[in-house]
Amino acid sequence: MNKKIAIALFALQLFALSIHTRTFAADPLPNVSVSIGGESGSQPGTSALSLLLLITVLSVAPAILVLMTSFTRIVIVLGFVRTSLGTQQSPPNQVLIGLAMFLTFFIMAPTFGQVNETALQPYLKGEITQSEALSKAAVPMKKFMFNQTREKDLLLFMNYTKTPKPKTYEDIPITVMVPAYALSEIRTAFQMGFMIFIPFLIIDMVVSSTLMAMGMMMLPPVMISLPFKILLFVLVDGWYLIVKSLLQSFHT
C-alpha cells in the first residue's frame, strides 16, 4: 500500500513539473536592457560620467567617513572604553560602530548642511558644474578638519610635499589636510583613552593586591574586578560622560 501511495505522489510531482515547464515555455522571460545616459545628456546627474562618478564615490565612502569626519576619534574612544572595562565583546562591535556613526552624523550635521546648501543643491539644479561643486563641498569639510588638526601635524605633510604657506585653510590641499587630520584624531583619541583607563587600572591593582595578600594566587583578578568596574561605570553614568566628553572635544 505504501509503495502505491509513493508511486502516486511521484506521478503527481512529474505532472506538476510538466505543467510548470510548459507554462514557462509558452511565456518566455522578456528581454531586459539597461542603458546609461538620457536622450539629451545635458541634465546634471544623468550622464554616464555622472553615474560613474557616483559609483566611485560610493566605493570610497567608508574611507571618506573614517578619515574626513569625527568617526575615527569616536570609534577609537568607544573601543578603549570596552577594553578598559574588560567586557570583551560587550557591547558588540555592531553596537559600538552604530553608535559611532550616529554620533558622527550628529556632530557633522552643520558641516553636511553647508555642503548640501553650497554645493549639492546648486549642482542638482544645474547652476554649477561638477568641478565647482566639488570645490565648494571641500570648503566646509576643510574648515571642520582644520579646527581639529594640530599645527605640528599639518606642517609635517606640508613640508614633505613642499606646499607653500597658505593664507587660509581654503588654500590647503585636501591631500595634505586629510592625513594631518587623521593623525591628529588618532592622537586625541589615544589621549582620551588613557584618561579612561586610569580608574579601571586602579581597581585592577587594588583587587590584585588584595587577592595576593589573602593568598589567593590561583583566582584570576579579572573575575573579581570586573563586577566592581561595571558597578563603578554604572554609578557614575559612564556612557553619558563618555558621549558628553566626545561631543565637547570637537571645536566648532
C-alpha atoms as a PDB file:
ATOM      1  CA  MET A   1       0.000   0.000   0.000  1.00  0.00           C
ATOM      2  CA  ASN A   2       2.847   2.392   0.905  1.00  0.00           C
ATOM      3  CA  LYS A   3       4.542   1.673  -2.435  1.00  0.00           C
ATOM      4  CA  LYS A   4       1.341   2.547  -4.325  1.00  0.00           C
ATOM      5  CA  ILE A   5       0.998   5.858  -2.427  1.00  0.00           C
ATOM      6  CA  ALA A   6       4.653   6.714  -3.118  1.00  0.00           C
ATOM      7  CA  ILE A   7       4.222   5.955  -6.841  1.00  0.00           C
ATOM      8  CA  ALA A   8       1.089   8.085  -6.991  1.00  0.00           C
ATOM      9  CA  LEU A   9       2.816  11.028  -5.303  1.00  0.00           C
ATOM     10  CA  PHE A  10       5.774  10.711  -7.671  1.00  0.00           C
ATOM     11  CA  ALA A  11       3.407  10.742 -10.669  1.00  0.00           C
ATOM     12  CA  LEU A  12       1.697  13.884  -9.361  1.00  0.00           C
ATOM     13  CA  GLN A  13       5.073  15.630  -8.980  1.00  0.00           C
ATOM     14  CA  LEU A  14       6.005  14.743 -12.560  1.00  0.00           C
ATOM     15  CA  PHE A  15       2.668  16.063 -13.796  1.00  0.00           C
ATOM     16  CA  ALA A  16       3.070  19.358 -11.908  1.00  0.00           C
ATOM     17  CA  LEU A  17       6.630  19.713 -13.215  1.00  0.00           C
ATOM     18  CA  SER A  18       5.469  19.189 -16.797  1.00  0.00           C
ATOM     19  CA  ILE A  19       2.763  21.872 -16.428  1.00  0.00           C
ATOM     20  CA  HIS A  20       5.313  24.289 -14.926  1.00  0.00           C
ATOM     21  CA  THR A  21       7.740  23.681 -17.781  1.00  0.00           C
ATOM     22  CA  ARG A  22       5.064  24.204 -20.452  1.00  0.00           C
ATOM     23  CA  THR A  23       3.981  27.461 -18.832  1.00  0.00           C
ATOM     24  CA  PHE A  24       7.486  28.884 -18.932  1.00  0.00           C
ATOM     25  CA  ALA A  25       7.998  27.573 -22.463  1.00  0.00           C
ATOM     26  CA  ALA A  26       4.820  29.314 -23.613  1.00  0.00           C
ATOM     27  CA  ASP A  27       5.680  32.588 -21.851  1.00  0.00           C
ATOM     28  CA  PRO A  28       9.427  33.173 -22.095  1.00  0.00           C
ATOM     29  CA  LEU A  29      11.071  35.815 -19.975  1.00  0.00           C
ATOM     30  CA  PRO A  30      11.036  39.285 -21.581  1.00  0.00           C
ATOM     31  CA  ASN A  31      14.280  40.861 -22.697  1.00  0.00           C
ATOM     32  CA  VAL A  32      15.570  43.471 -20.272  1.00  0.00           C
ATOM     33  CA  SER A  33      18.074  46.098 -21.354  1.00  0.00           C
ATOM     34  CA  VAL A  34      19.730  48.783 -19.265  1.00  0.00           C
ATOM     35  CA  SER A  35      21.022  51.967 -20.841  1.00  0.00           C
ATOM     36  CA  ILE A  36      23.147  54.648 -19.204  1.00  0.00           C
ATOM     37  CA  GLY A  37      22.544  58.281 -20.075  1.00  0.00           C
ATOM     38  CA  GLY A  38      19.469  60.205 -21.152  1.00  0.00           C
ATOM     39  CA  GLU A  39      18.406  61.389 -24.544  1.00  0.00           C
ATOM     40  CA  SER A  40      19.694  64.920 -24.177  1.00  0.00           C
ATOM     41  CA  GLY A  41      22.626  64.131 -21.878  1.00  0.00           C
ATOM     42  CA  SER A  42      22.787  67.747 -20.777  1.00  0.00           C
ATOM     43  CA  GLN A  43      20.974  67.411 -17.449  1.00  0.00           C
ATOM     44  CA  PRO A  44      23.275  67.007 -14.418  1.00  0.00           C
ATOM     45  CA  GLY A  45      23.347  63.603 -12.791  1.00  0.00           C
ATOM     46  CA  THR A  46      22.069  61.703 -15.840  1.00  0.00           C
ATOM     47  CA  SER A  47      25.176  61.273 -17.964  1.00  0.00           C
ATOM     48  CA  ALA A  48      27.344  58.197 -17.956  1.00  0.00           C
ATOM     49  CA  LEU A  49      30.173  60.204 -16.419  1.00  0.00           C
ATOM     50  CA  SER A  50      27.938  61.300 -13.550  1.00  0.00           C
ATOM     51  CA  LEU A  51      26.878  57.722 -12.824  1.00  0.00           C
ATOM     52  CA  LEU A  52      30.488  56.590 -12.951  1.00  0.00           C
ATOM     53  CA  LEU A  53      31.436  59.348 -10.532  1.00  0.00           C
ATOM     54  CA  LEU A  54      28.569  58.356  -8.223  1.00  0.00           C
ATOM     55  CA  ILE A  55      29.675  54.710  -8.185  1.00  0.00           C
ATOM     56  CA  THR A  56      33.245  55.800  -7.444  1.00  0.00           C
ATOM     57  CA  VAL A  57      32.132  57.972  -4.529  1.00  0.00           C
ATOM     58  CA  LEU A  58      30.053  55.135  -3.100  1.00  0.00           C
ATOM     59  CA  SER A  59      33.031  52.777  -3.312  1.00  0.00           C
ATOM     60  CA  VAL A  60      35.266  55.134  -1.335  1.00  0.00           C
ATOM     61  CA  ALA A  61      32.517  56.290   1.035  1.00  0.00           C
ATOM     62  CA  PRO A  62      33.856  54.235   4.003  1.00  0.00           C
ATOM     63  CA  ALA A  63      37.275  55.860   3.666  1.00  0.00           C
ATOM     64  CA  ILE A  64      35.663  59.302   3.461  1.00  0.00           C
ATOM     65  CA  LEU A  65      33.567  58.565   6.556  1.00  0.00           C
ATOM     66  CA  VAL A  66      36.565  57.336   8.541  1.00  0.00           C
ATOM     67  CA  LEU A  67      39.192  59.917   7.568  1.00  0.00           C
ATOM     68  CA  MET A  68      37.246  63.138   6.977  1.00  0.00           C
ATOM     69  CA  THR A  69      34.688  63.075   9.789  1.00  0.00           C
ATOM     70  CA  SER A  70      34.588  62.613  13.552  1.00  0.00           C
ATOM     71  CA  PHE A  71      34.119  58.855  13.204  1.00  0.00           C
ATOM     72  CA  THR A  72      37.789  58.000  13.839  1.00  0.00           C
ATOM     73  CA  ARG A  73      38.010  59.619  17.259  1.00  0.00           C
ATOM     74  CA  ILE A  74      34.622  58.330  18.402  1.00  0.00           C
ATOM     75  CA  VAL A  75      35.120  54.687  17.465  1.00  0.00           C
ATOM     76  CA  ILE A  76      38.635  54.567  18.981  1.00  0.00           C
ATOM     77  CA  VAL A  77      37.425  56.050  22.280  1.00  0.00           C
ATOM     78  CA  LEU A  78      34.477  53.647  22.451  1.00  0.00           C
ATOM     79  CA  GLY A  79      36.881  50.780  21.805  1.00  0.00           C
ATOM     80  CA  PHE A  80      39.062  51.977  24.695  1.00  0.00           C
ATOM     81  CA  VAL A  81      36.012  52.035  26.970  1.00  0.00           C
ATOM     82  CA  ARG A  82      35.185  48.418  26.217  1.00  0.00           C
ATOM     83  CA  THR A  83      38.817  47.336  26.598  1.00  0.00           C
ATOM     84  CA  SER A  84      39.266  49.143  29.916  1.00  0.00           C
ATOM     85  CA  LEU A  85      36.090  47.571  31.273  1.00  0.00           C
ATOM     86  CA  GLY A  86      37.322  44.136  30.227  1.00  0.00           C
ATOM     87  CA  THR A  87      33.899  43.046  28.990  1.00  0.00           C
ATOM     88  CA  GLN A  88      35.400  41.552  25.811  1.00  0.00           C
ATOM     89  CA  GLN A  89      32.548  41.591  23.258  1.00  0.00           C
ATOM     90  CA  SER A  90      30.011  43.574  25.232  1.00  0.00           C
ATOM     91  CA  PRO A  91      28.840  45.921  23.828  1.00  0.00           C
ATOM     92  CA  PRO A  92      29.285  44.129  20.485  1.00  0.00           C
ATOM     93  CA  ASN A  93      31.062  45.716  17.540  1.00  0.00           C
ATOM     94  CA  GLN A  94      27.776  46.402  15.739  1.00  0.00           C
ATOM     95  CA  VAL A  95      26.501  48.495  18.647  1.00  0.00           C
ATOM     96  CA  LEU A  96      29.725  50.492  19.011  1.00  0.00           C
ATOM     97  CA  ILE A  97      30.005  51.181  15.280  1.00  0.00           C
ATOM     98  CA  GLY A  98      26.316  52.085  15.051  1.00  0.00           C
ATOM     99  CA  LEU A  99      26.632  54.498  17.983  1.00  0.00           C
ATOM    100  CA  ALA A 100      29.789  55.979  16.455  1.00  0.00           C
ATOM    101  CA  MET A 101      28.039  56.501  13.118  1.00  0.00           C
ATOM    102  CA  PHE A 102      25.020  58.270  14.622  1.00  0.00           C
ATOM    103  CA  LEU A 103      27.254  60.464  16.793  1.00  0.00           C
ATOM    104  CA  THR A 104      29.243  61.260  13.649  1.00  0.00           C
ATOM    105  CA  PHE A 105      26.095  62.325  11.790  1.00  0.00           C
ATOM    106  CA  PHE A 106      25.063  64.430  14.792  1.00  0.00           C
ATOM    107  CA  ILE A 107      28.430  66.195  15.049  1.00  0.00           C
ATOM    108  CA  MET A 108      28.844  66.623  11.297  1.00  0.00           C
ATOM    109  CA  ALA A 109      25.278  67.843  10.703  1.00  0.00           C
ATOM    110  CA  PRO A 110      26.220  71.560  10.430  1.00  0.00           C
ATOM    111  CA  THR A 111      29.084  70.740   8.049  1.00  0.00           C
ATOM    112  CA  PHE A 112      26.945  68.441   5.929  1.00  0.00           C
ATOM    113  CA  GLY A 113      24.260  71.124   5.857  1.00  0.00           C
ATOM    114  CA  GLN A 114      26.726  73.633   4.418  1.00  0.00           C
ATOM    115  CA  VAL A 115      27.870  71.119   1.816  1.00  0.00           C
ATOM    116  CA  ASN A 116      24.273  70.481   0.804  1.00  0.00           C
ATOM    117  CA  GLU A 117      23.424  74.187   0.634  1.00  0.00           C
ATOM    118  CA  THR A 118      26.511  75.462  -1.176  1.00  0.00           C
ATOM    119  CA  ALA A 119      27.438  72.521  -3.412  1.00  0.00           C
ATOM    120  CA  LEU A 120      24.908  69.704  -3.740  1.00  0.00           C
ATOM    121  CA  GLN A 121      21.687  71.638  -4.295  1.00  0.00           C
ATOM    122  CA  PRO A 122      23.180  74.112  -6.832  1.00  0.00           C
ATOM    123  CA  TYR A 123      24.694  71.174  -8.715  1.00  0.00           C
ATOM    124  CA  LEU A 124      21.408  69.275  -8.835  1.00  0.00           C
ATOM    125  CA  LYS A 125      19.690  72.414 -10.121  1.00  0.00           C
ATOM    126  CA  GLY A 126      22.298  72.740 -12.877  1.00  0.00           C
ATOM    127  CA  GLU A 127      23.625  76.068 -11.610  1.00  0.00           C
ATOM    128  CA  ILE A 128      27.233  74.873 -11.229  1.00  0.00           C
ATOM    129  CA  THR A 129      29.420  72.175 -12.772  1.00  0.00           C
ATOM    130  CA  GLN A 130      30.784  69.072 -11.105  1.00  0.00           C
ATOM    131  CA  SER A 131      34.249  70.549 -10.557  1.00  0.00           C
ATOM    132  CA  GLU A 132      32.741  73.670  -8.999  1.00  0.00           C
ATOM    133  CA  ALA A 133      30.507  71.544  -6.784  1.00  0.00           C
ATOM    134  CA  LEU A 134      33.475  69.510  -5.539  1.00  0.00           C
ATOM    135  CA  SER A 135      35.457  72.676  -4.838  1.00  0.00           C
ATOM    136  CA  LYS A 136      32.574  74.225  -2.893  1.00  0.00           C
ATOM    137  CA  ALA A 137      31.924  70.987  -0.983  1.00  0.00           C
ATOM    138  CA  ALA A 138      35.563  70.779   0.103  1.00  0.00           C
ATOM    139  CA  VAL A 139      35.476  74.184   1.842  1.00  0.00           C
ATOM    140  CA  PRO A 140      33.189  73.218   4.816  1.00  0.00           C
ATOM    141  CA  MET A 141      34.996  69.886   5.189  1.00  0.00           C
ATOM    142  CA  LYS A 142      38.373  71.651   5.262  1.00  0.00           C
ATOM    143  CA  LYS A 143      37.083  74.090   7.861  1.00  0.00           C
ATOM    144  CA  PHE A 144      35.924  71.275  10.145  1.00  0.00           C
ATOM    145  CA  MET A 145      39.155  69.305   9.763  1.00  0.00           C
ATOM    146  CA  PHE A 146      41.314  72.408  10.184  1.00  0.00           C
ATOM    147  CA  ASN A 147      39.692  73.207  13.556  1.00  0.00           C
ATOM    148  CA  GLN A 148      40.598  69.734  14.866  1.00  0.00           C
ATOM    149  CA  THR A 149      44.085  69.432  13.345  1.00  0.00           C
ATOM    150  CA  ARG A 150      47.264  70.261  15.211  1.00  0.00           C
ATOM    151  CA  GLU A 151      49.624  72.702  13.543  1.00  0.00           C
ATOM    152  CA  LYS A 152      52.510  70.271  14.028  1.00  0.00           C
ATOM    153  CA  ASP A 153      50.755  67.524  12.067  1.00  0.00           C
ATOM    154  CA  LEU A 154      49.754  69.949   9.336  1.00  0.00           C
ATOM    155  CA  LEU A 155      53.299  71.247   8.940  1.00  0.00           C
ATOM    156  CA  LEU A 156      54.618  67.698   8.722  1.00  0.00           C
ATOM    157  CA  PHE A 157      52.757  66.966   5.491  1.00  0.00           C
ATOM    158  CA  MET A 158      53.127  70.470   4.109  1.00  0.00           C
ATOM    159  CA  ASN A 159      56.892  70.363   4.486  1.00  0.00           C
ATOM    160  CA  TYR A 160      57.055  66.897   2.967  1.00  0.00           C
ATOM    161  CA  THR A 161      55.110  67.983  -0.126  1.00  0.00           C
ATOM    162  CA  LYS A 162      56.866  71.415  -0.171  1.00  0.00           C
ATOM    163  CA  THR A 163      53.493  73.148  -0.141  1.00  0.00           C
ATOM    164  CA  PRO A 164      53.760  76.943   0.127  1.00  0.00           C
ATOM    165  CA  LYS A 165      52.384  78.531   3.287  1.00  0.00           C
ATOM    166  CA  PRO A 166      48.640  79.051   2.770  1.00  0.00           C
ATOM    167  CA  LYS A 167      46.859  82.266   3.682  1.00  0.00           C
ATOM    168  CA  THR A 168      43.700  80.497   4.878  1.00  0.00           C
ATOM    169  CA  TYR A 169      42.537  76.927   5.396  1.00  0.00           C
ATOM    170  CA  GLU A 170      40.844  77.050   1.993  1.00  0.00           C
ATOM    171  CA  ASP A 171      44.262  77.149   0.315  1.00  0.00           C
ATOM    172  CA  ILE A 172      45.426  73.911   1.984  1.00  0.00           C
ATOM    173  CA  PRO A 173      45.261  70.966  -0.461  1.00  0.00           C
ATOM    174  CA  ILE A 174      42.866  68.217   0.530  1.00  0.00           C
ATOM    175  CA  THR A 175      45.685  65.680   0.095  1.00  0.00           C
ATOM    176  CA  VAL A 176      47.545  67.449   2.910  1.00  0.00           C
ATOM    177  CA  MET A 177      44.576  68.155   5.142  1.00  0.00           C
ATOM    178  CA  VAL A 178      43.166  64.624   5.316  1.00  0.00           C
ATOM    179  CA  PRO A 179      46.276  62.742   6.596  1.00  0.00           C
ATOM    180  CA  ALA A 180      47.118  65.569   9.012  1.00  0.00           C
ATOM    181  CA  TYR A 181      43.576  65.498  10.373  1.00  0.00           C
ATOM    182  CA  ALA A 182      43.599  61.695  10.711  1.00  0.00           C
ATOM    183  CA  LEU A 183      46.909  61.805  12.604  1.00  0.00           C
ATOM    184  CA  SER A 184      45.582  64.434  14.992  1.00  0.00           C
ATOM    185  CA  GLU A 185      42.386  62.473  15.556  1.00  0.00           C
ATOM    186  CA  ILE A 186      44.262  59.303  16.463  1.00  0.00           C
ATOM    187  CA  ARG A 187      46.441  61.208  18.937  1.00  0.00           C
ATOM    188  CA  THR A 188      43.444  62.871  20.577  1.00  0.00           C
ATOM    189  CA  ALA A 189      41.574  59.568  20.794  1.00  0.00           C
ATOM    190  CA  PHE A 190      44.526  57.875  22.492  1.00  0.00           C
ATOM    191  CA  GLN A 191      44.789  60.731  24.995  1.00  0.00           C
ATOM    192  CA  MET A 192      41.124  60.305  25.888  1.00  0.00           C
ATOM    193  CA  GLY A 193      41.560  56.540  26.041  1.00  0.00           C
ATOM    194  CA  PHE A 194      44.445  56.901  28.508  1.00  0.00           C
ATOM    195  CA  MET A 195      42.306  59.023  30.817  1.00  0.00           C
ATOM    196  CA  ILE A 196      39.549  56.409  30.638  1.00  0.00           C
ATOM    197  CA  PHE A 197      41.950  53.606  31.536  1.00  0.00           C
ATOM    198  CA  ILE A 198      43.225  55.167  34.785  1.00  0.00           C
ATOM    199  CA  PRO A 199      40.272  54.498  37.169  1.00  0.00           C
ATOM    200  CA  PHE A 200      39.794  50.935  35.895  1.00  0.00           C
ATOM    201  CA  LEU A 201      43.522  50.273  36.201  1.00  0.00           C
ATOM    202  CA  ILE A 202      43.409  51.376  39.849  1.00  0.00           C
ATOM    203  CA  ILE A 203      40.573  48.932  40.524  1.00  0.00           C
ATOM    204  CA  ASP A 204      42.551  46.103  38.918  1.00  0.00           C
ATOM    205  CA  MET A 205      45.622  46.932  41.024  1.00  0.00           C
ATOM    206  CA  VAL A 206      43.628  47.076  44.270  1.00  0.00           C
ATOM    207  CA  VAL A 207      41.868  43.771  43.587  1.00  0.00           C
ATOM    208  CA  SER A 208      45.090  42.065  42.530  1.00  0.00           C
ATOM    209  CA  SER A 209      46.951  43.271  45.641  1.00  0.00           C
ATOM    210  CA  THR A 210      44.082  42.175  47.892  1.00  0.00           C
ATOM    211  CA  LEU A 211      43.945  38.692  46.396  1.00  0.00           C
ATOM    212  CA  MET A 212      47.705  38.327  46.679  1.00  0.00           C
ATOM    213  CA  ALA A 213      47.625  39.410  50.317  1.00  0.00           C
ATOM    214  CA  MET A 214      44.904  36.833  51.011  1.00  0.00           C
ATOM    215  CA  GLY A 215      46.975  34.102  49.371  1.00  0.00           C
ATOM    216  CA  MET A 216      44.517  33.512  46.520  1.00  0.00           C
ATOM    217  CA  MET A 217      47.138  33.115  43.828  1.00  0.00           C
ATOM    218  CA  MET A 218      45.047  30.853  41.584  1.00  0.00           C
ATOM    219  CA  LEU A 219      41.989  33.096  41.459  1.00  0.00           C
ATOM    220  CA  PRO A 220      42.066  35.380  38.373  1.00  0.00           C
ATOM    221  CA  PRO A 221      41.794  39.029  39.498  1.00  0.00           C
ATOM    222  CA  VAL A 222      39.647  39.805  36.438  1.00  0.00           C
ATOM    223  CA  MET A 223      36.787  37.707  37.798  1.00  0.00           C
ATOM    224  CA  ILE A 224      36.661  39.857  40.938  1.00  0.00           C
ATOM    225  CA  SER A 225      37.462  43.269  39.454  1.00  0.00           C
ATOM    226  CA  LEU A 226      35.028  43.063  36.522  1.00  0.00           C
ATOM    227  CA  PRO A 227      31.821  43.419  38.620  1.00  0.00           C
ATOM    228  CA  PHE A 228      33.347  46.341  40.526  1.00  0.00           C
ATOM    229  CA  LYS A 229      34.376  48.112  37.305  1.00  0.00           C
ATOM    230  CA  ILE A 230      30.910  47.666  35.824  1.00  0.00           C
ATOM    231  CA  LEU A 231      29.331  48.892  39.076  1.00  0.00           C
ATOM    232  CA  LEU A 232      31.563  51.976  39.123  1.00  0.00           C
ATOM    233  CA  PHE A 233      30.844  52.691  35.461  1.00  0.00           C
ATOM    234  CA  VAL A 234      27.095  52.452  36.019  1.00  0.00           C
ATOM    235  CA  LEU A 235      27.095  54.544  39.209  1.00  0.00           C
ATOM    236  CA  VAL A 236      28.917  57.462  37.575  1.00  0.00           C
ATOM    237  CA  ASP A 237      26.747  57.161  34.427  1.00  0.00           C
ATOM    238  CA  GLY A 238      29.790  56.349  32.354  1.00  0.00           C
ATOM    239  CA  TRP A 239      28.228  56.259  28.898  1.00  0.00           C
ATOM    240  CA  TYR A 240      26.719  59.702  29.405  1.00  0.00           C
ATOM    241  CA  LEU A 241      30.091  61.100  30.459  1.00  0.00           C
ATOM    242  CA  ILE A 242      31.888  59.458  27.534  1.00  0.00           C
ATOM    243  CA  VAL A 243      29.440  60.791  24.941  1.00  0.00           C
ATOM    244  CA  LYS A 244      29.442  64.229  26.584  1.00  0.00           C
ATOM    245  CA  SER A 245      33.244  64.349  26.508  1.00  0.00           C
ATOM    246  CA  LEU A 246      33.288  63.303  22.856  1.00  0.00           C
ATOM    247  CA  LEU A 247      30.797  65.996  21.875  1.00  0.00           C
ATOM    248  CA  GLN A 248      32.680  68.686  23.782  1.00  0.00           C
ATOM    249  CA  SER A 249      36.053  67.609  22.382  1.00  0.00           C
ATOM    250  CA  PHE A 250      35.192  68.842  18.874  1.00  0.00           C
ATOM    251  CA  HIS A 251      35.890  72.505  18.267  1.00  0.00           C
ATOM    252  CA  THR A 252      33.407  74.361  16.088  1.00  0.00           C
END
